[in-house]
Amino acid sequence: METAKGWSFPLEVDDITGKIKTTTLENDIKQSIMILLHTQKGERLGHSDYGNDLNRFMFEPLQNSLKKNIQKEIESCIRKWEKR
């Protein structure tokens, strides 16, 4: 059985214990990646390099190169920001 490793997201307080709810390491990593993929570079004050540039692909024509470029962007930001 995996023990709790991080705060759950969104941040919640456990009604019974009054403590911040935690999650397993696996879920913590999943939540971290989801936050990363939903954050545009420049969106976080004081941490302007955090996030991704996926929006730049929004109106690009659907081609194999587009798929490869999106994949590269996702892999690059995960490698940079999610070390686990």
Protein backbone atom coordinates (compact mmCIF):
# COMPACT_ATOMS: atom_id res chain seq x y z
CA MET A 1 0.00 0.00 0.00
CA GLU A 2 1.35 3.38 -1.05
CA THR A 3 1.45 6.07 1.64
CA ALA A 4 0.46 9.71 1.18
CA LYS A 5 3.28 11.76 -0.32
CA GLY A 6 1.90 15.18 -1.15
CA TRP A 7 -0.95 17.63 -0.79
CA SER A 8 -3.97 16.89 -2.93
CA PHE A 9 -4.99 19.34 -5.63
CA PRO A 10 -7.09 21.29 -5.45
CA LEU A 11 -6.08 22.03 -1.90
CA GLU A 12 -8.69 20.71 0.56
CA VAL A 13 -9.01 20.32 4.31
CA ASP A 14 -10.05 16.95 5.71
CA ASP A 15 -13.36 17.44 7.57
CA ILE A 16 -12.46 14.84 10.19
CA THR A 17 -8.83 15.67 10.99
CA GLY A 18 -8.79 19.36 10.09
CA LYS A 19 -5.51 18.75 8.23
CA ILE A 20 -4.75 19.34 4.56
CA LYS A 21 -5.72 16.30 2.50
CA THR A 22 -2.83 14.34 1.01
CA THR A 23 -2.49 12.02 -1.93
CA THR A 24 -0.29 9.13 -3.04
CA LEU A 25 2.99 9.73 -4.84
CA GLU A 26 1.49 8.49 -8.11
CA ASN A 27 -1.49 10.84 -7.88
CA ASP A 28 0.76 13.70 -6.76
CA ILE A 29 2.83 13.28 -9.94
CA LYS A 30 -0.31 13.07 -12.11
CA GLN A 31 -1.71 16.21 -10.51
CA SER A 32 1.62 18.01 -10.95
CA ILE A 33 1.71 17.16 -14.66
CA MET A 34 -1.89 18.30 -15.13
CA ILE A 35 -1.10 21.63 -13.46
CA LEU A 36 2.00 21.99 -15.64
CA LEU A 37 0.09 21.27 -18.86
CA HIS A 38 -2.67 23.73 -17.93
CA THR A 39 -0.22 26.54 -17.14
CA GLN A 40 1.06 28.84 -19.86
CA LYS A 41 4.58 30.21 -19.61
CA GLY A 42 4.42 33.67 -18.07
CA GLU A 43 1.20 32.94 -16.20
CA ARG A 44 2.80 32.51 -12.77
CA LEU A 45 4.06 35.67 -11.12
CA GLY A 46 7.64 35.33 -9.96
CA HIS A 47 8.03 32.05 -11.85
CA SER A 48 7.48 33.18 -15.43
CA ASP A 49 9.38 30.24 -16.99
CA TYR A 50 7.06 27.61 -15.44
CA GLY A 51 4.53 26.06 -17.80
CA ASN A 52 4.35 25.40 -21.51
CA ASP A 53 3.90 27.06 -24.90
CA LEU A 54 1.18 24.74 -26.20
CA ASN A 55 -1.11 27.64 -27.14
CA ARG A 56 1.21 28.53 -30.02
CA PHE A 57 -0.04 25.42 -31.81
CA MET A 58 -3.71 26.36 -31.51
CA PHE A 59 -4.39 27.39 -35.11
CA GLU A 60 -1.67 25.42 -36.89
CA PRO A 61 -2.72 23.08 -39.72
CA LEU A 62 -3.10 19.44 -38.73
CA GLN A 63 0.06 17.78 -40.02
CA ASN A 64 2.47 15.15 -38.73
CA SER A 65 4.94 17.92 -37.86
CA LEU A 66 2.34 19.52 -35.60
CA LYS A 67 1.90 16.29 -33.64
CA LYS A 68 5.67 15.95 -33.27
CA ASN A 69 6.09 19.57 -32.16
CA ILE A 70 3.32 19.26 -29.56
CA GLN A 71 4.89 16.04 -28.27
CA LYS A 72 8.31 17.74 -28.02
CA GLU A 73 6.83 20.67 -26.08
CA ILE A 74 5.04 18.36 -23.63
CA GLU A 75 8.10 16.15 -23.11
CA SER A 76 10.37 19.17 -22.68
CA CYS A 77 8.26 20.88 -20.03
CA ILE A 78 7.72 17.62 -18.10
CA ARG A 79 11.47 16.87 -18.13
CA LYS A 80 12.20 20.38 -16.92
CA TRP A 81 9.56 20.70 -14.20
CA GLU A 82 8.56 17.21 -13.03
CA LYS A 83 11.75 15.44 -11.96
CA ARG A 84 10.02 12.51 -10.27
